[in-house]
Amino acid sequence: QVQLVESGGGLVQPGGSLRLSCAASGIIFRLYAMGWYRQGPGKQRELVAVITSGGTINYNDSVKGRFTISRDNAKNTVDLQMNSLKPEDPAVYYCNAKRVVSSGNYWGQGTQVTVSS
């Protein structure tokens, strides 16, 4: 059974930082591209950042220079360090594991990020 469990969401003031973490089980973690997506109220889910099995990283333009994605294949975790949070960043943030060759595509339950003064 595949499980992706996110943690680290919460309330932060504009300009503040949060670190999200996703712990994966039930998959061969090192073979999967791991991503963070977000969905704000009334919006479609969008990619925030992804790190492939080979370590290639891509970011949504709106978070470049502020967010950093990293993975630890020994611990089966993927983190998202979010700095300089803006009023447009609040959303439910979801962890995703994807492996195209096996059609594997799994989601976590999401963690809420709120930015407010």
N, C-alpha and C. Protein backbone atom coordinates (compact mmCIF):
# COMPACT_ATOMS: atom_id res chain seq x y z
N GLN A 1 0.85 -1.19 0.00
CA GLN A 1 0.00 0.00 0.00
C GLN A 1 0.89 1.25 0.00
N VAL A 2 0.63 2.12 -0.97
CA VAL A 2 1.42 3.33 -1.08
C VAL A 2 0.86 4.41 -0.15
N GLN A 3 1.74 5.05 0.58
CA GLN A 3 1.33 6.17 1.42
C GLN A 3 2.30 7.32 1.26
N LEU A 4 1.74 8.50 1.09
CA LEU A 4 2.51 9.73 1.11
C LEU A 4 1.91 10.59 2.21
N VAL A 5 2.71 10.93 3.19
CA VAL A 5 2.21 11.66 4.35
C VAL A 5 2.95 12.98 4.47
N GLU A 6 2.18 14.06 4.28
CA GLU A 6 2.77 15.40 4.36
C GLU A 6 2.70 15.93 5.79
N SER A 7 3.63 16.80 6.10
CA SER A 7 3.62 17.50 7.38
C SER A 7 4.29 18.85 7.21
N GLY A 8 4.06 19.73 8.18
CA GLY A 8 4.77 21.00 8.19
C GLY A 8 3.97 22.21 7.79
N GLY A 9 2.74 22.02 7.37
CA GLY A 9 1.92 23.17 7.02
C GLY A 9 1.54 23.97 8.25
N GLY A 10 0.93 25.13 8.01
CA GLY A 10 0.49 25.95 9.12
C GLY A 10 0.29 27.39 8.72
N LEU A 11 0.25 28.24 9.72
CA LEU A 11 0.03 29.67 9.53
C LEU A 11 1.34 30.42 9.69
N VAL A 12 1.62 31.30 8.75
CA VAL A 12 2.85 32.08 8.80
C VAL A 12 2.55 33.49 8.31
N GLN A 13 3.30 34.44 8.79
CA GLN A 13 3.14 35.82 8.34
C GLN A 13 3.79 36.01 6.99
N PRO A 14 3.33 36.99 6.22
CA PRO A 14 4.00 37.31 4.95
C PRO A 14 5.50 37.55 5.19
N GLY A 15 6.30 36.98 4.31
CA GLY A 15 7.74 37.09 4.45
C GLY A 15 8.34 35.97 5.28
N GLY A 16 7.51 35.17 5.89
CA GLY A 16 7.99 34.10 6.74
C GLY A 16 8.34 32.84 5.97
N SER A 17 8.70 31.80 6.72
CA SER A 17 9.15 30.55 6.12
C SER A 17 8.40 29.37 6.72
N LEU A 18 8.26 28.35 5.92
CA LEU A 18 7.76 27.05 6.36
C LEU A 18 8.52 25.98 5.62
N ARG A 19 8.62 24.83 6.26
CA ARG A 19 9.23 23.67 5.61
C ARG A 19 8.23 22.53 5.61
N LEU A 20 7.88 22.08 4.42
CA LEU A 20 6.99 20.93 4.27
C LEU A 20 7.83 19.68 4.07
N SER A 21 7.32 18.58 4.60
CA SER A 21 7.99 17.31 4.42
C SER A 21 6.97 16.26 4.01
N CYS A 22 7.41 15.33 3.18
CA CYS A 22 6.56 14.24 2.73
C CYS A 22 7.32 12.94 2.92
N ALA A 23 6.72 12.03 3.67
CA ALA A 23 7.32 10.72 3.89
C ALA A 23 6.57 9.68 3.06
N ALA A 24 7.32 8.94 2.26
CA ALA A 24 6.72 7.96 1.36
C ALA A 24 6.99 6.54 1.84
N SER A 25 6.01 5.68 1.61
CA SER A 25 6.18 4.26 1.88
C SER A 25 5.40 3.48 0.84
N GLY A 26 5.83 2.25 0.63
CA GLY A 26 5.13 1.39 -0.33
C GLY A 26 5.58 1.53 -1.76
N ILE A 27 6.59 2.36 -2.00
CA ILE A 27 7.15 2.52 -3.34
C ILE A 27 8.67 2.40 -3.27
N ILE A 28 9.28 2.13 -4.42
CA ILE A 28 10.74 2.19 -4.50
C ILE A 28 11.07 3.66 -4.75
N PHE A 29 11.26 4.36 -3.66
CA PHE A 29 11.28 5.83 -3.67
C PHE A 29 12.28 6.38 -4.68
N ARG A 30 13.45 5.80 -4.76
CA ARG A 30 14.51 6.39 -5.59
C ARG A 30 14.17 6.37 -7.06
N LEU A 31 13.18 5.56 -7.46
CA LEU A 31 12.79 5.45 -8.86
C LEU A 31 11.74 6.48 -9.27
N TYR A 32 11.20 7.19 -8.31
CA TYR A 32 10.08 8.09 -8.57
C TYR A 32 10.51 9.55 -8.64
N ALA A 33 9.87 10.28 -9.56
CA ALA A 33 9.92 11.73 -9.50
C ALA A 33 8.98 12.17 -8.38
N MET A 34 9.48 13.08 -7.55
CA MET A 34 8.70 13.56 -6.42
C MET A 34 8.39 15.04 -6.62
N GLY A 35 7.14 15.38 -6.42
CA GLY A 35 6.74 16.76 -6.64
C GLY A 35 5.86 17.31 -5.55
N TRP A 36 5.81 18.61 -5.51
CA TRP A 36 4.87 19.33 -4.66
C TRP A 36 3.94 20.13 -5.57
N TYR A 37 2.66 19.99 -5.32
CA TYR A 37 1.63 20.72 -6.03
C TYR A 37 0.84 21.52 -5.00
N ARG A 38 0.08 22.49 -5.48
CA ARG A 38 -0.78 23.24 -4.57
C ARG A 38 -2.09 23.58 -5.26
N GLN A 39 -3.10 23.73 -4.44
CA GLN A 39 -4.42 24.11 -4.95
C GLN A 39 -5.03 25.13 -4.01
N GLY A 40 -5.16 26.34 -4.51
CA GLY A 40 -5.79 27.41 -3.74
C GLY A 40 -7.29 27.40 -3.94
N PRO A 41 -8.01 28.16 -3.13
CA PRO A 41 -9.48 28.21 -3.24
C PRO A 41 -9.92 28.65 -4.63
N GLY A 42 -10.75 27.87 -5.25
CA GLY A 42 -11.26 28.22 -6.57
C GLY A 42 -10.27 28.09 -7.70
N LYS A 43 -9.13 27.50 -7.42
CA LYS A 43 -8.09 27.39 -8.44
C LYS A 43 -7.82 25.94 -8.78
N GLN A 44 -7.19 25.74 -9.93
CA GLN A 44 -6.77 24.40 -10.31
C GLN A 44 -5.47 24.04 -9.58
N ARG A 45 -5.28 22.75 -9.41
CA ARG A 45 -4.03 22.29 -8.82
C ARG A 45 -2.88 22.61 -9.78
N GLU A 46 -1.80 23.13 -9.23
CA GLU A 46 -0.66 23.49 -10.06
C GLU A 46 0.63 22.93 -9.47
N LEU A 47 1.57 22.70 -10.38
CA LEU A 47 2.88 22.22 -9.95
C LEU A 47 3.63 23.35 -9.26
N VAL A 48 4.24 23.04 -8.13
CA VAL A 48 5.10 24.00 -7.43
C VAL A 48 6.56 23.69 -7.72
N ALA A 49 6.93 22.43 -7.54
CA ALA A 49 8.31 22.01 -7.76
C ALA A 49 8.35 20.51 -7.93
N VAL A 50 9.32 20.04 -8.70
CA VAL A 50 9.49 18.60 -8.90
C VAL A 50 10.98 18.28 -8.93
N ILE A 51 11.32 17.15 -8.37
CA ILE A 51 12.69 16.64 -8.44
C ILE A 51 12.62 15.22 -8.96
N THR A 52 13.31 14.96 -10.06
CA THR A 52 13.24 13.66 -10.69
C THR A 52 14.10 12.64 -9.95
N SER A 53 14.00 11.40 -10.38
CA SER A 53 14.82 10.35 -9.77
C SER A 53 16.30 10.62 -9.98
N GLY A 54 16.62 11.31 -11.04
CA GLY A 54 18.01 11.65 -11.32
C GLY A 54 18.48 12.94 -10.69
N GLY A 55 17.56 13.64 -10.02
CA GLY A 55 17.94 14.86 -9.32
C GLY A 55 17.68 16.15 -10.08
N THR A 56 17.10 16.05 -11.27
CA THR A 56 16.75 17.27 -12.00
C THR A 56 15.58 17.96 -11.32
N ILE A 57 15.68 19.26 -11.20
CA ILE A 57 14.69 20.05 -10.48
C ILE A 57 14.05 21.08 -11.38
N ASN A 58 12.76 21.23 -11.25
CA ASN A 58 12.03 22.29 -11.94
C ASN A 58 11.08 22.97 -10.96
N TYR A 59 10.96 24.27 -11.13
CA TYR A 59 10.08 25.07 -10.27
C TYR A 59 9.06 25.82 -11.10
N ASN A 60 7.92 26.05 -10.50
CA ASN A 60 6.97 27.02 -11.03
C ASN A 60 7.65 28.39 -10.98
N ASP A 61 7.47 29.17 -12.03
CA ASP A 61 8.13 30.47 -12.08
C ASP A 61 7.80 31.34 -10.87
N SER A 62 6.61 31.16 -10.33
CA SER A 62 6.17 32.03 -9.23
C SER A 62 6.91 31.76 -7.91
N VAL A 63 7.61 30.64 -7.83
CA VAL A 63 8.30 30.31 -6.58
C VAL A 63 9.82 30.26 -6.74
N LYS A 64 10.31 30.46 -7.95
CA LYS A 64 11.75 30.41 -8.18
C LYS A 64 12.46 31.43 -7.31
N GLY A 65 13.54 30.99 -6.68
CA GLY A 65 14.31 31.87 -5.81
C GLY A 65 13.78 31.94 -4.39
N ARG A 66 12.59 31.39 -4.16
CA ARG A 66 12.00 31.43 -2.82
C ARG A 66 11.84 30.04 -2.22
N PHE A 67 11.51 29.07 -3.06
CA PHE A 67 11.26 27.71 -2.60
C PHE A 67 12.41 26.81 -3.04
N THR A 68 12.69 25.80 -2.23
CA THR A 68 13.72 24.82 -2.56
C THR A 68 13.18 23.42 -2.28
N ILE A 69 13.24 22.56 -3.29
CA ILE A 69 12.83 21.17 -3.12
C ILE A 69 14.08 20.31 -2.95
N SER A 70 13.97 19.30 -2.10
CA SER A 70 15.10 18.38 -1.90
C SER A 70 14.54 17.02 -1.55
N ARG A 71 15.34 16.00 -1.80
CA ARG A 71 14.91 14.63 -1.48
C ARG A 71 16.02 13.91 -0.76
N ASP A 72 15.63 12.94 0.05
CA ASP A 72 16.57 12.07 0.76
C ASP A 72 16.15 10.64 0.46
N ASN A 73 16.85 10.00 -0.45
CA ASN A 73 16.49 8.64 -0.86
C ASN A 73 16.72 7.62 0.25
N ALA A 74 17.55 7.93 1.18
CA ALA A 74 17.79 7.02 2.30
C ALA A 74 16.62 7.03 3.28
N LYS A 75 15.98 8.18 3.39
CA LYS A 75 14.86 8.33 4.34
C LYS A 75 13.50 8.29 3.66
N ASN A 76 13.50 8.22 2.33
CA ASN A 76 12.24 8.23 1.56
C ASN A 76 11.41 9.48 1.83
N THR A 77 12.10 10.61 1.84
CA THR A 77 11.40 11.87 2.10
C THR A 77 11.72 12.91 1.04
N VAL A 78 10.80 13.79 0.83
CA VAL A 78 10.99 14.95 -0.03
C VAL A 78 10.49 16.17 0.73
N ASP A 79 11.30 17.20 0.74
CA ASP A 79 10.99 18.41 1.49
C ASP A 79 10.81 19.60 0.56
N LEU A 80 10.08 20.57 1.03
CA LEU A 80 9.91 21.83 0.31
C LEU A 80 10.14 22.96 1.30
N GLN A 81 11.27 23.64 1.17
CA GLN A 81 11.58 24.79 2.00
C GLN A 81 10.99 26.02 1.32
N MET A 82 10.11 26.70 2.03
CA MET A 82 9.41 27.85 1.47
C MET A 82 9.82 29.10 2.25
N ASN A 83 10.48 30.00 1.57
CA ASN A 83 10.91 31.26 2.18
C ASN A 83 10.18 32.42 1.53
N SER A 84 10.21 33.56 2.19
CA SER A 84 9.61 34.78 1.66
C SER A 84 8.18 34.53 1.18
N LEU A 85 7.40 33.90 2.01
CA LEU A 85 6.03 33.55 1.62
C LEU A 85 5.20 34.79 1.37
N LYS A 86 4.38 34.69 0.34
CA LYS A 86 3.58 35.81 -0.13
C LYS A 86 2.10 35.53 0.06
N PRO A 87 1.28 36.56 0.01
CA PRO A 87 -0.17 36.36 0.14
C PRO A 87 -0.76 35.45 -0.93
N GLU A 88 -0.08 35.30 -2.06
CA GLU A 88 -0.60 34.42 -3.12
C GLU A 88 -0.17 32.97 -2.98
N ASP A 89 0.61 32.66 -1.94
CA ASP A 89 1.07 31.28 -1.74
C ASP A 89 0.11 30.38 -0.96
N PRO A 90 -0.84 30.90 -0.22
CA PRO A 90 -1.72 30.01 0.55
C PRO A 90 -2.47 29.02 -0.32
N ALA A 91 -2.48 27.79 0.13
CA ALA A 91 -3.13 26.71 -0.62
C ALA A 91 -3.01 25.43 0.20
N VAL A 92 -3.67 24.41 -0.29
CA VAL A 92 -3.37 23.07 0.21
C VAL A 92 -2.23 22.54 -0.66
N TYR A 93 -1.17 22.13 -0.01
CA TYR A 93 0.01 21.61 -0.71
C TYR A 93 0.01 20.09 -0.66
N TYR A 94 0.18 19.50 -1.84
CA TYR A 94 0.12 18.05 -1.98
C TYR A 94 1.47 17.50 -2.43
N CYS A 95 1.81 16.37 -1.87
CA CYS A 95 2.99 15.63 -2.30
C CYS A 95 2.57 14.63 -3.39
N ASN A 96 3.41 14.47 -4.38
CA ASN A 96 3.11 13.56 -5.49
C ASN A 96 4.31 12.70 -5.80
N ALA A 97 4.05 11.44 -6.10
CA ALA A 97 5.08 10.52 -6.55
C ALA A 97 4.65 9.98 -7.91
N LYS A 98 5.54 10.10 -8.88
CA LYS A 98 5.18 9.70 -10.24
C LYS A 98 6.31 8.91 -10.88
N ARG A 99 5.91 7.81 -11.53
CA ARG A 99 6.87 7.02 -12.31
C ARG A 99 6.20 6.64 -13.61
N VAL A 100 6.60 7.28 -14.68
CA VAL A 100 5.92 7.14 -15.97
C VAL A 100 5.97 5.70 -16.48
N VAL A 101 7.10 5.03 -16.35
CA VAL A 101 7.25 3.70 -16.95
C VAL A 101 6.31 2.68 -16.33
N SER A 102 5.90 2.88 -15.12
CA SER A 102 5.00 1.93 -14.47
C SER A 102 3.62 2.52 -14.24
N SER A 103 3.37 3.70 -14.78
CA SER A 103 2.09 4.40 -14.59
C SER A 103 1.78 4.68 -13.13
N GLY A 104 2.79 4.72 -12.31
CA GLY A 104 2.57 5.03 -10.91
C GLY A 104 2.36 6.52 -10.72
N ASN A 105 1.30 6.88 -10.02
CA ASN A 105 1.00 8.28 -9.77
C ASN A 105 0.22 8.35 -8.48
N TYR A 106 0.86 8.82 -7.42
CA TYR A 106 0.27 8.78 -6.09
C TYR A 106 0.28 10.16 -5.46
N TRP A 107 -0.75 10.39 -4.60
CA TRP A 107 -0.91 11.68 -3.94
C TRP A 107 -1.01 11.52 -2.44
N GLY A 108 -0.51 12.51 -1.74
CA GLY A 108 -0.74 12.60 -0.32
C GLY A 108 -2.08 13.26 -0.04
N GLN A 109 -2.37 13.41 1.23
CA GLN A 109 -3.68 13.96 1.62
C GLN A 109 -3.70 15.48 1.63
N GLY A 110 -2.53 16.08 1.57
CA GLY A 110 -2.44 17.53 1.53
C GLY A 110 -2.22 18.16 2.89
N THR A 111 -1.56 19.31 2.88
CA THR A 111 -1.34 20.06 4.11
C THR A 111 -1.60 21.53 3.82
N GLN A 112 -2.29 22.19 4.72
CA GLN A 112 -2.72 23.56 4.49
C GLN A 112 -1.60 24.54 4.84
N VAL A 113 -1.37 25.48 3.94
CA VAL A 113 -0.45 26.58 4.20
C VAL A 113 -1.25 27.88 4.14
N THR A 114 -1.18 28.65 5.20
CA THR A 114 -1.89 29.92 5.28
C THR A 114 -0.88 31.03 5.53
N VAL A 115 -1.01 32.10 4.75
CA VAL A 115 -0.13 33.26 4.91
C VAL A 115 -1.00 34.45 5.28
N SER A 116 -0.81 34.93 6.48
CA SER A 116 -1.66 36.03 6.95
C SER A 116 -0.97 36.77 8.07
N SER A 117 -1.19 38.08 8.11
CA SER A 117 -0.65 38.88 9.20
C SER A 117 -1.68 39.02 10.31
